[in-house]
N, C-alpha and C. Protein backbone atom coordinates (compact mmCIF):
# COMPACT_ATOMS: atom_id res chain seq x y z
N MET A 1 19.84 66.08 180.55
CA MET A 1 19.86 65.74 179.14
C MET A 1 18.49 65.20 178.75
N THR A 2 17.93 65.73 177.71
CA THR A 2 16.63 65.24 177.24
C THR A 2 16.83 64.00 176.40
N GLN A 3 15.79 63.19 176.33
CA GLN A 3 15.85 62.00 175.51
C GLN A 3 14.81 62.11 174.41
N ARG A 4 15.12 61.55 173.26
CA ARG A 4 14.19 61.51 172.15
C ARG A 4 13.02 60.61 172.52
N LEU A 5 11.84 60.97 172.06
CA LEU A 5 10.65 60.19 172.35
C LEU A 5 10.54 59.03 171.38
N ASP A 6 10.23 57.87 171.91
CA ASP A 6 10.01 56.68 171.09
C ASP A 6 8.53 56.33 171.15
N PRO A 7 7.77 56.68 170.11
CA PRO A 7 6.33 56.46 170.17
C PRO A 7 5.92 55.00 170.25
N THR A 8 6.82 54.07 170.00
CA THR A 8 6.44 52.66 170.06
C THR A 8 6.40 52.14 171.49
N GLN A 9 6.94 52.88 172.43
CA GLN A 9 6.94 52.46 173.83
C GLN A 9 6.11 53.46 174.64
N HIS A 10 4.80 53.25 174.65
CA HIS A 10 3.85 54.20 175.20
C HIS A 10 4.15 54.63 176.64
N LEU A 11 4.25 53.70 177.57
CA LEU A 11 4.46 54.06 178.97
C LEU A 11 5.80 54.73 179.18
N HIS A 12 6.82 54.23 178.54
CA HIS A 12 8.15 54.83 178.63
C HIS A 12 8.11 56.25 178.07
N THR A 13 7.43 56.40 176.94
CA THR A 13 7.33 57.70 176.30
C THR A 13 6.59 58.70 177.18
N ALA A 14 5.51 58.27 177.83
CA ALA A 14 4.77 59.16 178.73
C ALA A 14 5.67 59.63 179.86
N GLY A 15 6.50 58.74 180.38
CA GLY A 15 7.44 59.13 181.43
C GLY A 15 8.48 60.12 180.94
N LEU A 16 8.96 59.90 179.72
CA LEU A 16 9.91 60.85 179.14
C LEU A 16 9.27 62.21 178.90
N CYS A 17 8.02 62.20 178.49
CA CYS A 17 7.32 63.48 178.30
C CYS A 17 7.26 64.25 179.61
N ARG A 18 6.93 63.55 180.68
CA ARG A 18 6.87 64.20 182.00
C ARG A 18 8.24 64.75 182.38
N ARG A 19 9.27 63.95 182.18
CA ARG A 19 10.62 64.40 182.53
C ARG A 19 11.05 65.59 181.66
N ASN A 20 10.77 65.51 180.36
CA ASN A 20 11.11 66.64 179.49
C ASN A 20 10.35 67.90 179.90
N ALA A 21 9.09 67.73 180.29
CA ALA A 21 8.29 68.87 180.74
C ALA A 21 8.89 69.49 181.99
N LEU A 22 9.40 68.67 182.88
CA LEU A 22 10.04 69.19 184.09
C LEU A 22 11.32 69.96 183.77
N HIS A 23 12.05 69.53 182.74
CA HIS A 23 13.23 70.28 182.30
C HIS A 23 12.81 71.67 181.82
N VAL A 24 11.73 71.73 181.07
CA VAL A 24 11.24 73.02 180.57
C VAL A 24 10.77 73.88 181.74
N ALA A 25 10.09 73.27 182.71
CA ALA A 25 9.65 74.03 183.89
C ALA A 25 10.84 74.62 184.62
N GLN A 26 11.92 73.87 184.74
CA GLN A 26 13.12 74.40 185.39
C GLN A 26 13.67 75.60 184.63
N LEU A 27 13.62 75.55 183.31
CA LEU A 27 14.03 76.70 182.50
C LEU A 27 13.13 77.89 182.80
N ALA A 28 11.83 77.66 182.84
CA ALA A 28 10.88 78.74 183.11
C ALA A 28 11.11 79.35 184.49
N TRP A 29 11.42 78.51 185.47
CA TRP A 29 11.59 78.99 186.85
C TRP A 29 12.77 79.93 187.01
N THR A 30 13.71 79.93 186.06
CA THR A 30 14.86 80.84 186.18
C THR A 30 14.42 82.29 186.11
N THR A 31 13.31 82.55 185.42
CA THR A 31 12.81 83.93 185.32
C THR A 31 11.39 84.09 185.85
N HIS A 32 10.65 82.99 185.94
CA HIS A 32 9.25 83.02 186.37
C HIS A 32 9.00 81.88 187.36
N PRO A 33 9.37 82.08 188.63
CA PRO A 33 9.30 80.98 189.60
C PRO A 33 7.90 80.45 189.88
N ALA A 34 6.86 81.18 189.53
CA ALA A 34 5.50 80.73 189.81
C ALA A 34 4.91 79.87 188.69
N VAL A 35 5.65 79.67 187.62
CA VAL A 35 5.14 78.90 186.48
C VAL A 35 4.98 77.44 186.87
N GLY A 36 3.85 76.86 186.48
CA GLY A 36 3.59 75.44 186.68
C GLY A 36 2.92 74.88 185.45
N PHE A 37 2.32 73.73 185.59
CA PHE A 37 1.58 73.12 184.49
C PHE A 37 0.15 73.66 184.55
N ASP A 38 0.03 74.94 184.26
CA ASP A 38 -1.23 75.66 184.41
C ASP A 38 -1.29 76.80 183.39
N LEU A 39 -2.27 77.67 183.54
CA LEU A 39 -2.41 78.78 182.60
C LEU A 39 -1.16 79.67 182.58
N ALA A 40 -0.57 79.92 183.75
CA ALA A 40 0.66 80.72 183.79
C ALA A 40 1.76 80.03 182.99
N GLY A 41 1.83 78.71 183.08
CA GLY A 41 2.82 77.96 182.32
C GLY A 41 2.57 78.04 180.82
N VAL A 42 1.31 77.96 180.43
CA VAL A 42 0.98 78.06 179.00
C VAL A 42 1.30 79.45 178.48
N ARG A 43 1.00 80.48 179.26
CA ARG A 43 1.32 81.85 178.83
C ARG A 43 2.83 82.04 178.71
N TRP A 44 3.59 81.49 179.67
CA TRP A 44 5.04 81.57 179.58
C TRP A 44 5.51 80.86 178.32
N LEU A 45 4.98 79.66 178.08
CA LEU A 45 5.36 78.87 176.91
C LEU A 45 5.09 79.64 175.63
N ASP A 46 3.94 80.25 175.53
CA ASP A 46 3.57 81.02 174.34
C ASP A 46 4.59 82.13 174.07
N ARG A 47 4.93 82.87 175.12
CA ARG A 47 5.92 83.95 174.97
C ARG A 47 7.30 83.38 174.62
N HIS A 48 7.66 82.26 175.25
CA HIS A 48 8.96 81.64 174.99
C HIS A 48 9.07 81.18 173.53
N ILE A 49 8.02 80.59 173.02
CA ILE A 49 8.02 80.16 171.62
C ILE A 49 8.18 81.37 170.71
N GLU A 50 7.39 82.41 170.95
CA GLU A 50 7.47 83.60 170.09
C GLU A 50 8.85 84.24 170.14
N LYS A 51 9.44 84.27 171.33
CA LYS A 51 10.76 84.87 171.48
C LYS A 51 11.84 84.00 170.83
N SER A 52 11.68 82.68 170.88
CA SER A 52 12.72 81.75 170.41
C SER A 52 12.63 81.43 168.93
N ARG A 53 11.44 81.40 168.37
CA ARG A 53 11.25 80.86 167.03
C ARG A 53 12.07 81.54 165.94
N PRO A 54 12.27 82.86 165.97
CA PRO A 54 13.07 83.44 164.89
C PRO A 54 14.55 83.06 164.95
N HIS A 55 15.00 82.56 166.09
CA HIS A 55 16.43 82.31 166.28
C HIS A 55 16.78 80.82 166.39
N LEU A 56 15.82 79.94 166.18
CA LEU A 56 16.07 78.51 166.34
C LEU A 56 16.90 77.97 165.17
N PRO A 57 18.04 77.37 165.46
CA PRO A 57 18.79 76.71 164.39
C PRO A 57 18.00 75.50 163.88
N ALA A 58 18.06 75.24 162.60
CA ALA A 58 17.30 74.15 162.00
C ALA A 58 17.56 72.81 162.69
N GLY A 59 18.78 72.56 163.10
CA GLY A 59 19.13 71.30 163.74
C GLY A 59 18.55 71.14 165.14
N TYR A 60 18.06 72.20 165.73
CA TYR A 60 17.51 72.15 167.08
C TYR A 60 15.98 72.20 167.08
N LEU A 61 15.39 72.44 165.93
CA LEU A 61 13.94 72.63 165.83
C LEU A 61 13.16 71.43 166.37
N ASP A 62 13.50 70.21 165.96
CA ASP A 62 12.76 69.03 166.41
C ASP A 62 12.84 68.86 167.93
N GLU A 63 14.03 69.02 168.49
CA GLU A 63 14.18 68.87 169.93
C GLU A 63 13.40 69.96 170.68
N PHE A 64 13.47 71.18 170.20
CA PHE A 64 12.72 72.29 170.81
C PHE A 64 11.23 71.99 170.80
N VAL A 65 10.72 71.55 169.66
CA VAL A 65 9.30 71.23 169.52
C VAL A 65 8.91 70.10 170.48
N GLN A 66 9.72 69.06 170.57
CA GLN A 66 9.40 67.96 171.48
C GLN A 66 9.40 68.42 172.94
N LEU A 67 10.42 69.14 173.33
CA LEU A 67 10.49 69.61 174.72
C LEU A 67 9.31 70.50 175.07
N MET A 68 9.06 71.49 174.24
CA MET A 68 7.98 72.43 174.52
C MET A 68 6.62 71.74 174.40
N GLY A 69 6.51 70.79 173.47
CA GLY A 69 5.26 70.04 173.32
C GLY A 69 4.97 69.17 174.54
N CYS A 70 6.01 68.61 175.13
CA CYS A 70 5.83 67.82 176.36
C CYS A 70 5.35 68.73 177.50
N PHE A 71 5.93 69.91 177.60
CA PHE A 71 5.49 70.85 178.64
C PHE A 71 4.03 71.23 178.42
N TYR A 72 3.68 71.57 177.19
CA TYR A 72 2.30 71.93 176.86
C TYR A 72 1.36 70.76 177.15
N GLY A 73 1.79 69.57 176.83
CA GLY A 73 0.97 68.39 177.10
C GLY A 73 0.72 68.20 178.59
N GLU A 74 1.72 68.43 179.41
CA GLU A 74 1.53 68.30 180.85
C GLU A 74 0.59 69.39 181.38
N CYS A 75 0.61 70.55 180.78
CA CYS A 75 -0.35 71.61 181.14
C CYS A 75 -1.78 71.15 180.80
N ILE A 76 -1.93 70.53 179.64
CA ILE A 76 -3.24 70.03 179.22
C ILE A 76 -3.70 68.92 180.17
N LEU A 77 -2.80 68.01 180.51
CA LEU A 77 -3.15 66.93 181.44
C LEU A 77 -3.57 67.49 182.80
N ALA A 78 -2.87 68.49 183.28
CA ALA A 78 -3.20 69.08 184.59
C ALA A 78 -4.58 69.75 184.56
N ALA A 79 -4.93 70.34 183.43
CA ALA A 79 -6.21 71.05 183.33
C ALA A 79 -7.39 70.13 183.06
N PHE A 80 -7.18 69.11 182.22
CA PHE A 80 -8.31 68.32 181.72
C PHE A 80 -8.25 66.84 182.07
N GLY A 81 -7.12 66.39 182.60
CA GLY A 81 -6.97 64.96 182.86
C GLY A 81 -6.63 64.22 181.58
N GLY A 82 -6.69 62.92 181.65
CA GLY A 82 -6.39 62.10 180.48
C GLY A 82 -5.05 61.42 180.60
N GLN A 83 -4.56 60.95 179.46
CA GLN A 83 -3.28 60.27 179.43
C GLN A 83 -2.63 60.39 178.06
N TRP A 84 -1.31 60.28 178.05
CA TRP A 84 -0.58 60.26 176.79
C TRP A 84 -0.97 58.99 176.04
N MET A 85 -1.08 59.10 174.72
CA MET A 85 -1.42 57.95 173.88
C MET A 85 -0.85 58.17 172.49
N MET A 86 -0.83 57.10 171.72
CA MET A 86 -0.38 57.19 170.33
C MET A 86 -1.60 57.22 169.42
N SER A 87 -1.54 58.05 168.39
CA SER A 87 -2.66 58.09 167.44
C SER A 87 -2.75 56.75 166.72
N HIS A 88 -3.92 56.44 166.26
CA HIS A 88 -4.14 55.15 165.60
C HIS A 88 -3.97 55.24 164.09
N ASP A 89 -3.57 56.39 163.59
CA ASP A 89 -3.33 56.51 162.16
C ASP A 89 -1.92 56.02 161.82
N ASP A 90 -1.56 56.10 160.58
CA ASP A 90 -0.26 55.58 160.15
C ASP A 90 0.90 56.47 160.57
N ARG A 91 0.61 57.67 161.08
CA ARG A 91 1.69 58.57 161.49
C ARG A 91 2.14 58.33 162.93
N GLY A 92 1.27 57.79 163.76
CA GLY A 92 1.64 57.48 165.13
C GLY A 92 2.02 58.68 165.97
N HIS A 93 1.29 59.79 165.84
CA HIS A 93 1.60 60.98 166.63
C HIS A 93 1.26 60.76 168.09
N LEU A 94 2.07 61.34 168.94
CA LEU A 94 1.84 61.28 170.37
C LEU A 94 0.81 62.34 170.74
N GLY A 95 -0.21 61.93 171.46
CA GLY A 95 -1.26 62.86 171.85
C GLY A 95 -1.74 62.60 173.26
N ILE A 96 -2.76 63.33 173.64
CA ILE A 96 -3.39 63.17 174.94
C ILE A 96 -4.85 62.86 174.70
N GLU A 97 -5.30 61.76 175.28
CA GLU A 97 -6.69 61.38 175.18
C GLU A 97 -7.36 61.69 176.52
N THR A 98 -8.41 62.48 176.45
CA THR A 98 -9.17 62.85 177.64
C THR A 98 -10.58 62.30 177.48
N PRO A 99 -10.99 61.42 178.38
CA PRO A 99 -12.33 60.82 178.28
C PRO A 99 -13.42 61.89 178.18
N GLY A 100 -14.28 61.71 177.20
CA GLY A 100 -15.39 62.65 176.99
C GLY A 100 -15.03 63.88 176.19
N LEU A 101 -13.73 64.12 175.97
CA LEU A 101 -13.31 65.31 175.24
C LEU A 101 -12.56 64.99 173.96
N GLY A 102 -12.01 63.81 173.86
CA GLY A 102 -11.30 63.44 172.64
C GLY A 102 -9.80 63.47 172.80
N VAL A 103 -9.11 63.67 171.69
CA VAL A 103 -7.66 63.60 171.63
C VAL A 103 -7.12 64.94 171.13
N THR A 104 -6.03 65.36 171.73
CA THR A 104 -5.33 66.56 171.27
C THR A 104 -3.86 66.20 171.12
N PHE A 105 -3.17 66.94 170.29
CA PHE A 105 -1.78 66.63 169.97
C PHE A 105 -0.90 67.84 170.31
N PRO A 106 -0.43 67.93 171.55
CA PRO A 106 0.31 69.11 171.98
C PRO A 106 1.65 69.32 171.26
N ILE A 107 2.33 68.25 170.90
CA ILE A 107 3.60 68.42 170.19
C ILE A 107 3.35 68.99 168.80
N ARG A 108 2.31 68.51 168.15
CA ARG A 108 1.94 69.05 166.83
C ARG A 108 1.50 70.51 166.95
N ALA A 109 0.80 70.84 168.05
CA ALA A 109 0.36 72.22 168.26
C ALA A 109 1.56 73.15 168.43
N VAL A 110 2.54 72.72 169.19
CA VAL A 110 3.75 73.53 169.36
C VAL A 110 4.49 73.66 168.03
N GLU A 111 4.55 72.59 167.27
CA GLU A 111 5.21 72.64 165.96
C GLU A 111 4.53 73.68 165.06
N ALA A 112 3.21 73.68 165.04
CA ALA A 112 2.49 74.67 164.22
C ALA A 112 2.80 76.08 164.68
N HIS A 113 2.85 76.30 165.99
CA HIS A 113 3.16 77.63 166.51
C HIS A 113 4.58 78.04 166.13
N VAL A 114 5.53 77.13 166.27
CA VAL A 114 6.92 77.45 165.95
C VAL A 114 7.08 77.74 164.46
N VAL A 115 6.49 76.92 163.63
CA VAL A 115 6.68 77.04 162.18
C VAL A 115 5.86 78.21 161.59
N ASP A 116 4.60 78.34 162.02
CA ASP A 116 3.70 79.30 161.37
C ASP A 116 3.38 80.53 162.20
N GLY A 117 3.88 80.61 163.42
CA GLY A 117 3.75 81.82 164.21
C GLY A 117 2.51 81.89 165.08
N ALA A 118 2.27 83.09 165.57
CA ALA A 118 1.26 83.34 166.60
C ALA A 118 -0.16 83.01 166.15
N LYS A 119 -0.40 82.89 164.85
CA LYS A 119 -1.76 82.52 164.43
C LYS A 119 -2.12 81.13 164.94
N TRP A 120 -1.11 80.34 165.35
CA TRP A 120 -1.32 79.02 165.94
C TRP A 120 -0.90 79.03 167.41
N SER A 121 -1.12 80.13 168.08
CA SER A 121 -0.73 80.32 169.48
C SER A 121 -1.24 79.20 170.38
N VAL A 122 -0.33 78.60 171.15
CA VAL A 122 -0.75 77.57 172.09
C VAL A 122 -1.59 78.16 173.22
N ALA A 123 -1.32 79.41 173.58
CA ALA A 123 -2.10 80.06 174.64
C ALA A 123 -3.55 80.28 174.19
N VAL A 124 -3.74 80.71 172.97
CA VAL A 124 -5.10 80.91 172.45
C VAL A 124 -5.83 79.57 172.39
N ALA A 125 -5.15 78.53 171.91
CA ALA A 125 -5.77 77.20 171.84
C ALA A 125 -6.15 76.71 173.23
N TYR A 126 -5.28 76.88 174.20
CA TYR A 126 -5.53 76.44 175.57
C TYR A 126 -6.71 77.20 176.18
N LEU A 127 -6.72 78.52 176.02
CA LEU A 127 -7.81 79.33 176.56
C LEU A 127 -9.14 78.97 175.90
N THR A 128 -9.11 78.73 174.61
CA THR A 128 -10.33 78.32 173.90
C THR A 128 -10.83 77.00 174.44
N ALA A 129 -9.93 76.06 174.66
CA ALA A 129 -10.32 74.75 175.19
C ALA A 129 -10.89 74.87 176.60
N THR A 130 -10.28 75.69 177.45
CA THR A 130 -10.80 75.83 178.82
C THR A 130 -12.16 76.50 178.82
N GLU A 131 -12.36 77.47 177.93
CA GLU A 131 -13.68 78.10 177.83
C GLU A 131 -14.73 77.11 177.33
N TYR A 132 -14.35 76.31 176.35
CA TYR A 132 -15.27 75.31 175.80
C TYR A 132 -15.65 74.29 176.86
N VAL A 133 -14.66 73.77 177.56
CA VAL A 133 -14.94 72.77 178.60
C VAL A 133 -15.74 73.40 179.74
N GLY A 134 -15.43 74.64 180.08
CA GLY A 134 -16.22 75.35 181.09
C GLY A 134 -17.66 75.52 180.65
N GLY A 135 -17.87 75.77 179.37
CA GLY A 135 -19.23 75.88 178.83
C GLY A 135 -19.96 74.55 178.90
N LEU A 136 -19.23 73.47 178.64
CA LEU A 136 -19.84 72.14 178.75
C LEU A 136 -20.26 71.87 180.19
N ALA A 137 -19.41 72.26 181.13
CA ALA A 137 -19.73 72.04 182.55
C ALA A 137 -20.97 72.85 182.94
N SER A 138 -21.06 74.08 182.45
CA SER A 138 -22.24 74.91 182.74
C SER A 138 -23.49 74.30 182.14
N LEU A 139 -23.36 73.78 180.92
CA LEU A 139 -24.48 73.14 180.25
C LEU A 139 -24.91 71.91 181.03
N ASP A 140 -23.96 71.08 181.44
CA ASP A 140 -24.27 69.90 182.25
C ASP A 140 -24.98 70.29 183.53
N ALA A 141 -24.53 71.35 184.20
CA ALA A 141 -25.14 71.78 185.45
C ALA A 141 -26.57 72.26 185.21
N SER A 142 -26.83 72.98 184.10
CA SER A 142 -28.16 73.46 183.84
C SER A 142 -29.10 72.32 183.48
N VAL A 143 -28.60 71.29 182.82
CA VAL A 143 -29.42 70.12 182.48
C VAL A 143 -29.83 69.39 183.76
N VAL A 144 -28.89 69.24 184.69
CA VAL A 144 -29.17 68.59 185.96
C VAL A 144 -30.18 69.43 186.73
N GLU A 145 -30.02 70.75 186.72
CA GLU A 145 -30.91 71.65 187.43
C GLU A 145 -32.34 71.57 186.87
N VAL A 146 -32.48 71.54 185.55
CA VAL A 146 -33.80 71.47 184.92
C VAL A 146 -34.44 70.12 185.21
N ALA A 147 -33.63 69.05 185.22
CA ALA A 147 -34.18 67.71 185.47
C ALA A 147 -34.63 67.53 186.91
N ALA A 148 -34.09 68.31 187.81
CA ALA A 148 -34.43 68.14 189.24
C ALA A 148 -35.75 68.70 189.61
């Protein structure tokens, strides 16, 4: 059974996100046993959202978004590090803060994909982020090389 996220309890909420993400991983493993909190997991998630979104009952939308957003967030954490945190604005959105990279909001990203479709694909966003971070790493390496 999944639990609703309480953004006022940061550490508890981070634990619930992890547990919710594991529930989603178990769902993925029924058809894709190699899925993890990685690119394969993000690709599975993207397809699952696209397949599910036209058939989601309105009463289940929030829970679906939270569950899938937690899974996406754990994929982001596995790739980039960081930690779950609450935004400092008046909305208090749950996000992931990664030192040197900033904050991203995986639950909001999943919501955009579910509501507005593939133009907000989580897989495209994830691949773009990994390419960007990879470019930063290459830039850092070339700066070190030139300085040496």
